All heavy atoms as atom14 arrays in JSON, in Angstrom:
{
  "sequence": "GFQALMPAVGYLLGVQFAERISAIDHWIAFILLALIGANMIREAVS",
  "atom14_mask": [
    [1, 1, 1, 1, 0, 0, 0, 0, 0, 0, 0, 0, 0, 0],
    [1, 1, 1, 1, 1, 1, 1, 1, 1, 1, 1, 0, 0, 0],
    [1, 1, 1, 1, 1, 1, 1, 1, 1, 0, 0, 0, 0, 0],
    [1, 1, 1, 1, 1, 0, 0, 0, 0, 0, 0, 0, 0, 0],
    [1, 1, 1, 1, 1, 1, 1, 1, 0, 0, 0, 0, 0, 0],
    [1, 1, 1, 1, 1, 1, 1, 1, 0, 0, 0, 0, 0, 0],
    [1, 1, 1, 1, 1, 1, 1, 0, 0, 0, 0, 0, 0, 0],
    [1, 1, 1, 1, 1, 0, 0, 0, 0, 0, 0, 0, 0, 0],
    [1, 1, 1, 1, 1, 1, 1, 0, 0, 0, 0, 0, 0, 0],
    [1, 1, 1, 1, 0, 0, 0, 0, 0, 0, 0, 0, 0, 0],
    [1, 1, 1, 1, 1, 1, 1, 1, 1, 1, 1, 1, 0, 0],
    [1, 1, 1, 1, 1, 1, 1, 1, 0, 0, 0, 0, 0, 0],
    [1, 1, 1, 1, 1, 1, 1, 1, 0, 0, 0, 0, 0, 0],
    [1, 1, 1, 1, 0, 0, 0, 0, 0, 0, 0, 0, 0, 0],
    [1, 1, 1, 1, 1, 1, 1, 0, 0, 0, 0, 0, 0, 0],
    [1, 1, 1, 1, 1, 1, 1, 1, 1, 0, 0, 0, 0, 0],
    [1, 1, 1, 1, 1, 1, 1, 1, 1, 1, 1, 0, 0, 0],
    [1, 1, 1, 1, 1, 0, 0, 0, 0, 0, 0, 0, 0, 0],
    [1, 1, 1, 1, 1, 1, 1, 1, 1, 0, 0, 0, 0, 0],
    [1, 1, 1, 1, 1, 1, 1, 1, 1, 1, 1, 0, 0, 0],
    [1, 1, 1, 1, 1, 1, 1, 1, 0, 0, 0, 0, 0, 0],
    [1, 1, 1, 1, 1, 1, 0, 0, 0, 0, 0, 0, 0, 0],
    [1, 1, 1, 1, 1, 0, 0, 0, 0, 0, 0, 0, 0, 0],
    [1, 1, 1, 1, 1, 1, 1, 1, 0, 0, 0, 0, 0, 0],
    [1, 1, 1, 1, 1, 1, 1, 1, 0, 0, 0, 0, 0, 0],
    [1, 1, 1, 1, 1, 1, 1, 1, 1, 1, 0, 0, 0, 0],
    [1, 1, 1, 1, 1, 1, 1, 1, 1, 1, 1, 1, 1, 1],
    [1, 1, 1, 1, 1, 1, 1, 1, 0, 0, 0, 0, 0, 0],
    [1, 1, 1, 1, 1, 0, 0, 0, 0, 0, 0, 0, 0, 0],
    [1, 1, 1, 1, 1, 1, 1, 1, 1, 1, 1, 0, 0, 0],
    [1, 1, 1, 1, 1, 1, 1, 1, 0, 0, 0, 0, 0, 0],
    [1, 1, 1, 1, 1, 1, 1, 1, 0, 0, 0, 0, 0, 0],
    [1, 1, 1, 1, 1, 1, 1, 1, 0, 0, 0, 0, 0, 0],
    [1, 1, 1, 1, 1, 0, 0, 0, 0, 0, 0, 0, 0, 0],
    [1, 1, 1, 1, 1, 1, 1, 1, 0, 0, 0, 0, 0, 0],
    [1, 1, 1, 1, 1, 1, 1, 1, 0, 0, 0, 0, 0, 0],
    [1, 1, 1, 1, 0, 0, 0, 0, 0, 0, 0, 0, 0, 0],
    [1, 1, 1, 1, 1, 0, 0, 0, 0, 0, 0, 0, 0, 0],
    [1, 1, 1, 1, 1, 1, 1, 1, 0, 0, 0, 0, 0, 0],
    [1, 1, 1, 1, 1, 1, 1, 1, 0, 0, 0, 0, 0, 0],
    [1, 1, 1, 1, 1, 1, 1, 1, 0, 0, 0, 0, 0, 0],
    [1, 1, 1, 1, 1, 1, 1, 1, 1, 1, 1, 0, 0, 0],
    [1, 1, 1, 1, 1, 1, 1, 1, 1, 0, 0, 0, 0, 0],
    [1, 1, 1, 1, 1, 0, 0, 0, 0, 0, 0, 0, 0, 0],
    [1, 1, 1, 1, 1, 1, 1, 0, 0, 0, 0, 0, 0, 0],
    [1, 1, 1, 1, 1, 1, 0, 0, 0, 0, 0, 0, 0, 0]
  ],
  "atom14_positions": [
    [[-34.01, 17.65, -11.76], [-34.37, 18.93, -11.07], [-33.68, 19.07, -9.77], [-33.16, 20.14, -9.37], [0.0, 0.0, 0.0], [0.0, 0.0, 0.0], [0.0, 0.0, 0.0], [0.0, 0.0, 0.0], [0.0, 0.0, 0.0], [0.0, 0.0, 0.0], [0.0, 0.0, 0.0], [0.0, 0.0, 0.0], [0.0, 0.0, 0.0], [0.0, 0.0, 0.0]],
    [[-33.7, 18.02, -8.95], [-33.07, 18.07, -7.59], [-31.56, 18.08, -7.74], [-30.93, 18.81, -6.96], [-33.6, 16.92, -6.72], [-34.79, 17.27, -5.94], [-36.06, 17.14, -6.52], [-34.71, 17.65, -4.58], [-37.16, 17.49, -5.75], [-35.8, 18.03, -3.89], [-37.04, 17.84, -4.44], [0.0, 0.0, 0.0], [0.0, 0.0, 0.0], [0.0, 0.0, 0.0]],
    [[-31.07, 17.39, -8.72], [-29.54, 17.45, -8.9], [-29.16, 18.86, -9.31], [-27.93, 19.19, -9.07], [-29.21, 16.34, -9.94], [-27.86, 15.77, -9.74], [-27.64, 14.88, -8.56], [-27.93, 15.29, -7.52], [-27.06, 13.76, -8.78], [0.0, 0.0, 0.0], [0.0, 0.0, 0.0], [0.0, 0.0, 0.0], [0.0, 0.0, 0.0], [0.0, 0.0, 0.0]],
    [[-29.96, 19.63, -9.93], [-29.61, 20.99, -10.32], [-29.92, 22.0, -9.09], [-29.15, 22.86, -8.88], [-30.5, 21.4, -11.53], [0.0, 0.0, 0.0], [0.0, 0.0, 0.0], [0.0, 0.0, 0.0], [0.0, 0.0, 0.0], [0.0, 0.0, 0.0], [0.0, 0.0, 0.0], [0.0, 0.0, 0.0], [0.0, 0.0, 0.0], [0.0, 0.0, 0.0]],
    [[-30.97, 21.68, -8.38], [-31.36, 22.58, -7.25], [-30.32, 22.49, -6.1], [-29.98, 23.52, -5.53], [-32.76, 22.15, -6.7], [-33.29, 22.83, -5.45], [-33.44, 24.3, -5.75], [-34.51, 22.19, -5.03], [0.0, 0.0, 0.0], [0.0, 0.0, 0.0], [0.0, 0.0, 0.0], [0.0, 0.0, 0.0], [0.0, 0.0, 0.0], [0.0, 0.0, 0.0]],
    [[-29.94, 21.27, -5.77], [-29.04, 21.1, -4.64], [-27.69, 21.81, -4.66], [-27.21, 22.47, -3.69], [-28.83, 19.66, -4.24], [-30.21, 19.01, -3.76], [-30.85, 19.78, -2.28], [-30.7, 18.35, -1.2], [0.0, 0.0, 0.0], [0.0, 0.0, 0.0], [0.0, 0.0, 0.0], [0.0, 0.0, 0.0], [0.0, 0.0, 0.0], [0.0, 0.0, 0.0]],
    [[-27.01, 21.75, -5.78], [-25.69, 22.53, -5.85], [-25.93, 24.03, -5.85], [-25.08, 24.75, -5.27], [-25.04, 22.02, -7.11], [-26.04, 21.29, -7.93], [-27.13, 20.94, -6.97], [0.0, 0.0, 0.0], [0.0, 0.0, 0.0], [0.0, 0.0, 0.0], [0.0, 0.0, 0.0], [0.0, 0.0, 0.0], [0.0, 0.0, 0.0], [0.0, 0.0, 0.0]],
    [[-27.09, 24.52, -6.27], [-27.41, 25.92, -6.26], [-27.61, 26.36, -4.79], [-27.1, 27.38, -4.37], [-28.69, 26.23, -7.07], [0.0, 0.0, 0.0], [0.0, 0.0, 0.0], [0.0, 0.0, 0.0], [0.0, 0.0, 0.0], [0.0, 0.0, 0.0], [0.0, 0.0, 0.0], [0.0, 0.0, 0.0], [0.0, 0.0, 0.0], [0.0, 0.0, 0.0]],
    [[-28.32, 25.5, -4.02], [-28.44, 25.78, -2.67], [-27.13, 25.68, -1.91], [-26.81, 26.61, -1.11], [-29.5, 24.79, -1.99], [-29.49, 24.91, -0.47], [-30.88, 25.02, -2.55], [0.0, 0.0, 0.0], [0.0, 0.0, 0.0], [0.0, 0.0, 0.0], [0.0, 0.0, 0.0], [0.0, 0.0, 0.0], [0.0, 0.0, 0.0], [0.0, 0.0, 0.0]],
    [[-26.32, 24.7, -2.2], [-25.01, 24.58, -1.59], [-24.09, 25.78, -1.9], [-23.34, 26.26, -1.13], [0.0, 0.0, 0.0], [0.0, 0.0, 0.0], [0.0, 0.0, 0.0], [0.0, 0.0, 0.0], [0.0, 0.0, 0.0], [0.0, 0.0, 0.0], [0.0, 0.0, 0.0], [0.0, 0.0, 0.0], [0.0, 0.0, 0.0], [0.0, 0.0, 0.0]],
    [[-24.17, 26.15, -3.17], [-23.44, 27.39, -3.6], [-23.84, 28.64, -2.77], [-23.02, 29.39, -2.28], [-23.64, 27.61, -5.13], [-22.94, 28.85, -5.62], [-21.6, 28.72, -6.08], [-23.53, 30.08, -5.76], [-20.97, 29.8, -6.59], [-22.88, 31.13, -6.28], [-21.57, 31.03, -6.69], [-20.88, 32.11, -7.2], [0.0, 0.0, 0.0], [0.0, 0.0, 0.0]],
    [[-25.12, 28.83, -2.62], [-25.59, 30.02, -1.86], [-25.11, 29.95, -0.4], [-24.83, 30.99, 0.17], [-27.14, 30.07, -1.98], [-27.65, 30.43, -3.36], [-29.16, 30.36, -3.31], [-27.2, 31.82, -3.82], [0.0, 0.0, 0.0], [0.0, 0.0, 0.0], [0.0, 0.0, 0.0], [0.0, 0.0, 0.0], [0.0, 0.0, 0.0], [0.0, 0.0, 0.0]],
    [[-25.11, 28.73, 0.14], [-24.58, 28.6, 1.53], [-23.09, 28.76, 1.52], [-22.54, 29.49, 2.41], [-24.91, 27.21, 2.03], [-26.36, 26.87, 2.3], [-26.55, 25.41, 2.63], [-26.91, 27.72, 3.4], [0.0, 0.0, 0.0], [0.0, 0.0, 0.0], [0.0, 0.0, 0.0], [0.0, 0.0, 0.0], [0.0, 0.0, 0.0], [0.0, 0.0, 0.0]],
    [[-22.36, 28.27, 0.5], [-20.94, 28.33, 0.54], [-20.36, 29.73, 0.26], [-19.29, 30.1, 0.84], [0.0, 0.0, 0.0], [0.0, 0.0, 0.0], [0.0, 0.0, 0.0], [0.0, 0.0, 0.0], [0.0, 0.0, 0.0], [0.0, 0.0, 0.0], [0.0, 0.0, 0.0], [0.0, 0.0, 0.0], [0.0, 0.0, 0.0], [0.0, 0.0, 0.0]],
    [[-21.07, 30.58, -0.52], [-20.53, 31.96, -0.77], [-20.54, 32.73, 0.59], [-19.78, 33.64, 0.66], [-21.29, 32.66, -1.87], [-21.07, 32.04, -3.15], [-22.76, 32.84, -1.51], [0.0, 0.0, 0.0], [0.0, 0.0, 0.0], [0.0, 0.0, 0.0], [0.0, 0.0, 0.0], [0.0, 0.0, 0.0], [0.0, 0.0, 0.0], [0.0, 0.0, 0.0]],
    [[-21.33, 32.28, 1.52], [-21.34, 33.02, 2.81], [-20.0, 32.87, 3.54], [-19.63, 33.66, 4.37], [-22.47, 32.54, 3.64], [-23.86, 32.61, 2.95], [-24.19, 33.99, 2.58], [-24.05, 34.9, 3.39], [-24.85, 34.06, 1.39], [0.0, 0.0, 0.0], [0.0, 0.0, 0.0], [0.0, 0.0, 0.0], [0.0, 0.0, 0.0], [0.0, 0.0, 0.0]],
    [[-19.38, 31.73, 3.24], [-18.14, 31.38, 4.02], [-16.89, 31.34, 3.09], [-15.77, 31.24, 3.64], [-18.29, 29.92, 4.61], [-19.47, 29.8, 5.47], [-20.57, 29.11, 4.95], [-19.53, 30.37, 6.71], [-21.71, 28.98, 5.68], [-20.71, 30.25, 7.46], [-21.7, 29.52, 7.0], [0.0, 0.0, 0.0], [0.0, 0.0, 0.0], [0.0, 0.0, 0.0]],
    [[-16.99, 31.5, 1.88], [-15.89, 31.38, 0.92], [-14.71, 32.28, 1.29], [-13.57, 31.9, 1.24], [-16.31, 31.65, -0.59], [0.0, 0.0, 0.0], [0.0, 0.0, 0.0], [0.0, 0.0, 0.0], [0.0, 0.0, 0.0], [0.0, 0.0, 0.0], [0.0, 0.0, 0.0], [0.0, 0.0, 0.0], [0.0, 0.0, 0.0], [0.0, 0.0, 0.0]],
    [[-14.98, 33.53, 1.55], [-13.84, 34.5, 1.8], [-13.12, 34.12, 3.13], [-11.92, 34.27, 3.18], [-14.45, 35.91, 1.97], [-14.76, 36.57, 0.62], [-15.2, 37.98, 0.82], [-14.85, 38.56, 1.81], [-15.91, 38.41, -0.06], [0.0, 0.0, 0.0], [0.0, 0.0, 0.0], [0.0, 0.0, 0.0], [0.0, 0.0, 0.0], [0.0, 0.0, 0.0]],
    [[-13.77, 33.6, 4.06], [-13.25, 33.34, 5.4], [-12.3, 32.07, 5.36], [-11.38, 32.0, 6.12], [-14.31, 33.03, 6.43], [-15.18, 34.26, 6.7], [-16.18, 34.03, 7.75], [-17.02, 35.18, 7.76], [-18.32, 35.09, 7.55], [-18.9, 33.97, 7.27], [-19.13, 36.16, 7.68], [0.0, 0.0, 0.0], [0.0, 0.0, 0.0], [0.0, 0.0, 0.0]],
    [[-12.46, 31.15, 4.38], [-11.69, 30.03, 4.34], [-11.04, 29.75, 2.99], [-10.67, 28.65, 2.66], [-12.51, 28.79, 4.73], [-13.71, 28.6, 3.82], [-12.92, 28.82, 6.2], [-14.54, 27.44, 4.09], [0.0, 0.0, 0.0], [0.0, 0.0, 0.0], [0.0, 0.0, 0.0], [0.0, 0.0, 0.0], [0.0, 0.0, 0.0], [0.0, 0.0, 0.0]],
    [[-10.74, 30.8, 2.25], [-10.16, 30.65, 0.94], [-8.8, 30.09, 0.95], [-8.29, 29.41, 0.01], [-10.07, 32.02, 0.29], [-9.29, 32.97, 0.95], [0.0, 0.0, 0.0], [0.0, 0.0, 0.0], [0.0, 0.0, 0.0], [0.0, 0.0, 0.0], [0.0, 0.0, 0.0], [0.0, 0.0, 0.0], [0.0, 0.0, 0.0], [0.0, 0.0, 0.0]],
    [[-8.08, 30.15, 2.06], [-6.71, 29.55, 2.13], [-6.72, 28.07, 2.18], [-5.73, 27.39, 1.81], [-6.04, 30.09, 3.38], [0.0, 0.0, 0.0], [0.0, 0.0, 0.0], [0.0, 0.0, 0.0], [0.0, 0.0, 0.0], [0.0, 0.0, 0.0], [0.0, 0.0, 0.0], [0.0, 0.0, 0.0], [0.0, 0.0, 0.0], [0.0, 0.0, 0.0]],
    [[-7.87, 27.5, 2.62], [-7.93, 26.03, 2.62], [-9.07, 25.41, 1.75], [-9.44, 24.27, 1.89], [-8.1, 25.56, 4.04], [-9.4, 26.11, 4.77], [-6.87, 25.81, 4.87], [-9.83, 25.45, 6.03], [0.0, 0.0, 0.0], [0.0, 0.0, 0.0], [0.0, 0.0, 0.0], [0.0, 0.0, 0.0], [0.0, 0.0, 0.0], [0.0, 0.0, 0.0]],
    [[-9.63, 26.28, 0.86], [-10.76, 25.82, 0.12], [-10.54, 24.62, -0.75], [-11.34, 23.76, -1.01], [-11.37, 26.96, -0.77], [-10.35, 27.55, -1.74], [-9.18, 27.1, -1.8], [-10.74, 28.43, -2.49], [0.0, 0.0, 0.0], [0.0, 0.0, 0.0], [0.0, 0.0, 0.0], [0.0, 0.0, 0.0], [0.0, 0.0, 0.0], [0.0, 0.0, 0.0]],
    [[-9.28, 24.52, -1.28], [-8.96, 23.34, -2.1], [-8.89, 22.11, -1.3], [-9.27, 20.98, -1.78], [-7.51, 23.58, -2.78], [-6.44, 23.94, -1.83], [-6.4, 25.2, -1.24], [-5.4, 23.26, -1.33], [-5.34, 25.19, -0.44], [-4.72, 24.04, -0.5], [0.0, 0.0, 0.0], [0.0, 0.0, 0.0], [0.0, 0.0, 0.0], [0.0, 0.0, 0.0]],
    [[-8.45, 22.15, -0.04], [-8.53, 20.97, 0.8], [-9.95, 20.6, 1.19], [-10.3, 19.4, 1.21], [-7.76, 21.27, 2.12], [-6.28, 21.29, 1.9], [-5.48, 22.38, 1.87], [-5.45, 20.08, 1.76], [-4.15, 21.96, 1.61], [-4.11, 20.54, 1.56], [-5.73, 18.7, 1.69], [-3.04, 19.73, 1.35], [-4.68, 17.85, 1.49], [-3.32, 18.32, 1.29]],
    [[-10.84, 21.58, 1.38], [-12.22, 21.27, 1.6], [-12.83, 20.6, 0.38], [-13.6, 19.6, 0.54], [-13.01, 22.57, 2.04], [-12.46, 23.06, 3.36], [-14.52, 22.35, 2.05], [-12.97, 24.44, 3.77], [0.0, 0.0, 0.0], [0.0, 0.0, 0.0], [0.0, 0.0, 0.0], [0.0, 0.0, 0.0], [0.0, 0.0, 0.0], [0.0, 0.0, 0.0]],
    [[-12.6, 21.18, -0.76], [-13.1, 20.57, -1.99], [-12.69, 19.1, -2.17], [-13.41, 18.25, -2.46], [-12.66, 21.33, -3.24], [0.0, 0.0, 0.0], [0.0, 0.0, 0.0], [0.0, 0.0, 0.0], [0.0, 0.0, 0.0], [0.0, 0.0, 0.0], [0.0, 0.0, 0.0], [0.0, 0.0, 0.0], [0.0, 0.0, 0.0], [0.0, 0.0, 0.0]],
    [[-11.37, 18.91, -1.96], [-10.82, 17.52, -2.04], [-11.45, 16.6, -1.07], [-11.88, 15.48, -1.4], [-9.32, 17.64, -1.82], [-8.69, 16.34, -1.57], [-8.52, 15.37, -2.59], [-8.17, 15.92, -0.32], [-8.01, 14.11, -2.34], [-7.61, 14.69, -0.08], [-7.58, 13.81, -1.11], [0.0, 0.0, 0.0], [0.0, 0.0, 0.0], [0.0, 0.0, 0.0]],
    [[-11.55, 17.04, 0.21], [-12.13, 16.12, 1.23], [-13.58, 15.84, 0.96], [-13.96, 14.69, 1.01], [-11.98, 16.75, 2.63], [-10.38, 16.73, 2.98], [-12.78, 16.08, 3.72], [-10.1, 17.58, 4.21], [0.0, 0.0, 0.0], [0.0, 0.0, 0.0], [0.0, 0.0, 0.0], [0.0, 0.0, 0.0], [0.0, 0.0, 0.0], [0.0, 0.0, 0.0]],
    [[-14.38, 16.86, 0.61], [-15.81, 16.62, 0.36], [-15.99, 15.69, -0.88], [-16.78, 14.73, -0.76], [-16.54, 17.98, 0.0], [-16.86, 18.87, 1.23], [-17.43, 20.18, 0.76], [-17.74, 18.16, 2.2], [0.0, 0.0, 0.0], [0.0, 0.0, 0.0], [0.0, 0.0, 0.0], [0.0, 0.0, 0.0], [0.0, 0.0, 0.0], [0.0, 0.0, 0.0]],
    [[-15.28, 15.96, -1.94], [-15.38, 15.08, -3.13], [-14.9, 13.71, -2.83], [-15.57, 12.63, -3.26], [-14.7, 15.67, -4.34], [-15.36, 16.94, -4.89], [-14.53, 17.56, -5.96], [-16.8, 16.69, -5.45], [0.0, 0.0, 0.0], [0.0, 0.0, 0.0], [0.0, 0.0, 0.0], [0.0, 0.0, 0.0], [0.0, 0.0, 0.0], [0.0, 0.0, 0.0]],
    [[-13.83, 13.52, -2.11], [-13.3, 12.19, -1.79], [-14.29, 11.49, -0.88], [-14.49, 10.2, -1.11], [-11.93, 12.34, -1.06], [0.0, 0.0, 0.0], [0.0, 0.0, 0.0], [0.0, 0.0, 0.0], [0.0, 0.0, 0.0], [0.0, 0.0, 0.0], [0.0, 0.0, 0.0], [0.0, 0.0, 0.0], [0.0, 0.0, 0.0], [0.0, 0.0, 0.0]],
    [[-14.82, 12.08, 0.13], [-15.76, 11.47, 1.04], [-17.06, 11.05, 0.28], [-17.56, 9.94, 0.44], [-16.18, 12.35, 2.22], [-15.06, 12.59, 3.26], [-15.45, 13.67, 4.26], [-14.72, 11.27, 3.91], [0.0, 0.0, 0.0], [0.0, 0.0, 0.0], [0.0, 0.0, 0.0], [0.0, 0.0, 0.0], [0.0, 0.0, 0.0], [0.0, 0.0, 0.0]],
    [[-17.57, 11.91, -0.58], [-18.78, 11.54, -1.31], [-18.52, 10.37, -2.34], [-19.25, 9.42, -2.39], [-19.24, 12.79, -2.23], [-19.73, 13.88, -1.26], [-20.33, 12.36, -3.15], [-19.86, 15.23, -1.99], [0.0, 0.0, 0.0], [0.0, 0.0, 0.0], [0.0, 0.0, 0.0], [0.0, 0.0, 0.0], [0.0, 0.0, 0.0], [0.0, 0.0, 0.0]],
    [[-17.34, 10.43, -2.91], [-16.98, 9.34, -3.9], [-16.77, 8.02, -3.07], [-17.24, 6.98, -3.57], [0.0, 0.0, 0.0], [0.0, 0.0, 0.0], [0.0, 0.0, 0.0], [0.0, 0.0, 0.0], [0.0, 0.0, 0.0], [0.0, 0.0, 0.0], [0.0, 0.0, 0.0], [0.0, 0.0, 0.0], [0.0, 0.0, 0.0], [0.0, 0.0, 0.0]],
    [[-16.03, 8.1, -1.97], [-15.8, 6.83, -1.26], [-17.13, 6.35, -0.69], [-17.23, 5.05, -0.71], [-14.86, 7.2, -0.01], [0.0, 0.0, 0.0], [0.0, 0.0, 0.0], [0.0, 0.0, 0.0], [0.0, 0.0, 0.0], [0.0, 0.0, 0.0], [0.0, 0.0, 0.0], [0.0, 0.0, 0.0], [0.0, 0.0, 0.0], [0.0, 0.0, 0.0]],
    [[-18.0, 7.12, -0.26], [-19.32, 6.64, 0.18], [-20.16, 6.0, -0.98], [-20.73, 5.0, -0.66], [-20.18, 7.8, 0.82], [-21.44, 7.36, 1.46], [-21.35, 6.38, 2.26], [-22.57, 7.87, 1.03], [0.0, 0.0, 0.0], [0.0, 0.0, 0.0], [0.0, 0.0, 0.0], [0.0, 0.0, 0.0], [0.0, 0.0, 0.0], [0.0, 0.0, 0.0]],
    [[-20.07, 6.54, -2.13], [-20.7, 5.94, -3.26], [-20.09, 4.53, -3.6], [-20.87, 3.53, -3.76], [-20.59, 6.79, -4.58], [-21.44, 7.98, -4.54], [-21.31, 9.02, -5.99], [-21.95, 8.04, -7.29], [0.0, 0.0, 0.0], [0.0, 0.0, 0.0], [0.0, 0.0, 0.0], [0.0, 0.0, 0.0], [0.0, 0.0, 0.0], [0.0, 0.0, 0.0]],
    [[-18.75, 4.45, -3.52], [-18.16, 3.18, -3.72], [-18.52, 2.14, -2.6], [-18.82, 0.98, -2.87], [-16.59, 3.33, -3.8], [-16.22, 4.13, -5.09], [-15.85, 1.96, -3.85], [-14.84, 4.61, -5.18], [0.0, 0.0, 0.0], [0.0, 0.0, 0.0], [0.0, 0.0, 0.0], [0.0, 0.0, 0.0], [0.0, 0.0, 0.0], [0.0, 0.0, 0.0]],
    [[-18.47, 2.63, -1.34], [-18.85, 1.76, -0.26], [-20.24, 1.2, -0.36], [-20.51, -0.04, -0.25], [-18.76, 2.55, 1.08], [-19.0, 1.68, 2.29], [-19.25, 2.5, 3.57], [-20.25, 3.53, 3.47], [-21.63, 3.22, 3.55], [-21.98, 1.98, 3.67], [-22.5, 4.18, 3.45], [0.0, 0.0, 0.0], [0.0, 0.0, 0.0], [0.0, 0.0, 0.0]],
    [[-21.2, 2.07, -0.76], [-22.57, 1.61, -0.94], [-22.69, 0.59, -2.05], [-23.46, -0.39, -2.04], [-23.51, 2.8, -1.29], [-23.72, 3.64, -0.07], [-24.54, 4.89, -0.36], [-24.95, 5.09, -1.56], [-24.85, 5.69, 0.52], [0.0, 0.0, 0.0], [0.0, 0.0, 0.0], [0.0, 0.0, 0.0], [0.0, 0.0, 0.0], [0.0, 0.0, 0.0]],
    [[-21.87, 0.77, -3.16], [-21.9, -0.06, -4.28], [-21.44, -1.49, -3.9], [-21.96, -2.51, -4.42], [-21.14, 0.41, -5.44], [0.0, 0.0, 0.0], [0.0, 0.0, 0.0], [0.0, 0.0, 0.0], [0.0, 0.0, 0.0], [0.0, 0.0, 0.0], [0.0, 0.0, 0.0], [0.0, 0.0, 0.0], [0.0, 0.0, 0.0], [0.0, 0.0, 0.0]],
    [[-20.32, -1.56, -3.16], [-19.71, -2.86, -2.84], [-20.3, -3.5, -1.54], [-19.91, -4.65, -1.24], [-18.2, -2.78, -2.73], [-17.58, -2.31, -4.04], [-17.72, -1.84, -1.57], [0.0, 0.0, 0.0], [0.0, 0.0, 0.0], [0.0, 0.0, 0.0], [0.0, 0.0, 0.0], [0.0, 0.0, 0.0], [0.0, 0.0, 0.0], [0.0, 0.0, 0.0]],
    [[-21.18, -2.8, -0.8], [-21.63, -3.3, 0.47], [-22.59, -4.52, 0.22], [-22.85, -5.26, 1.11], [-22.39, -2.25, 1.27], [-23.58, -1.87, 0.64], [0.0, 0.0, 0.0], [0.0, 0.0, 0.0], [0.0, 0.0, 0.0], [0.0, 0.0, 0.0], [0.0, 0.0, 0.0], [0.0, 0.0, 0.0], [0.0, 0.0, 0.0], [0.0, 0.0, 0.0]]
  ]
}
């Protein structure tokens, strides 16, 4: 339930800014996913 709710909330927040930063959105997606993934790996090996 929460895993479904949170991206919906993030999406609603993100659409407010999507037009303003569409030129760099791919970099934002890359950085966010890379940071989240790296943090998961860090926690696993800590």
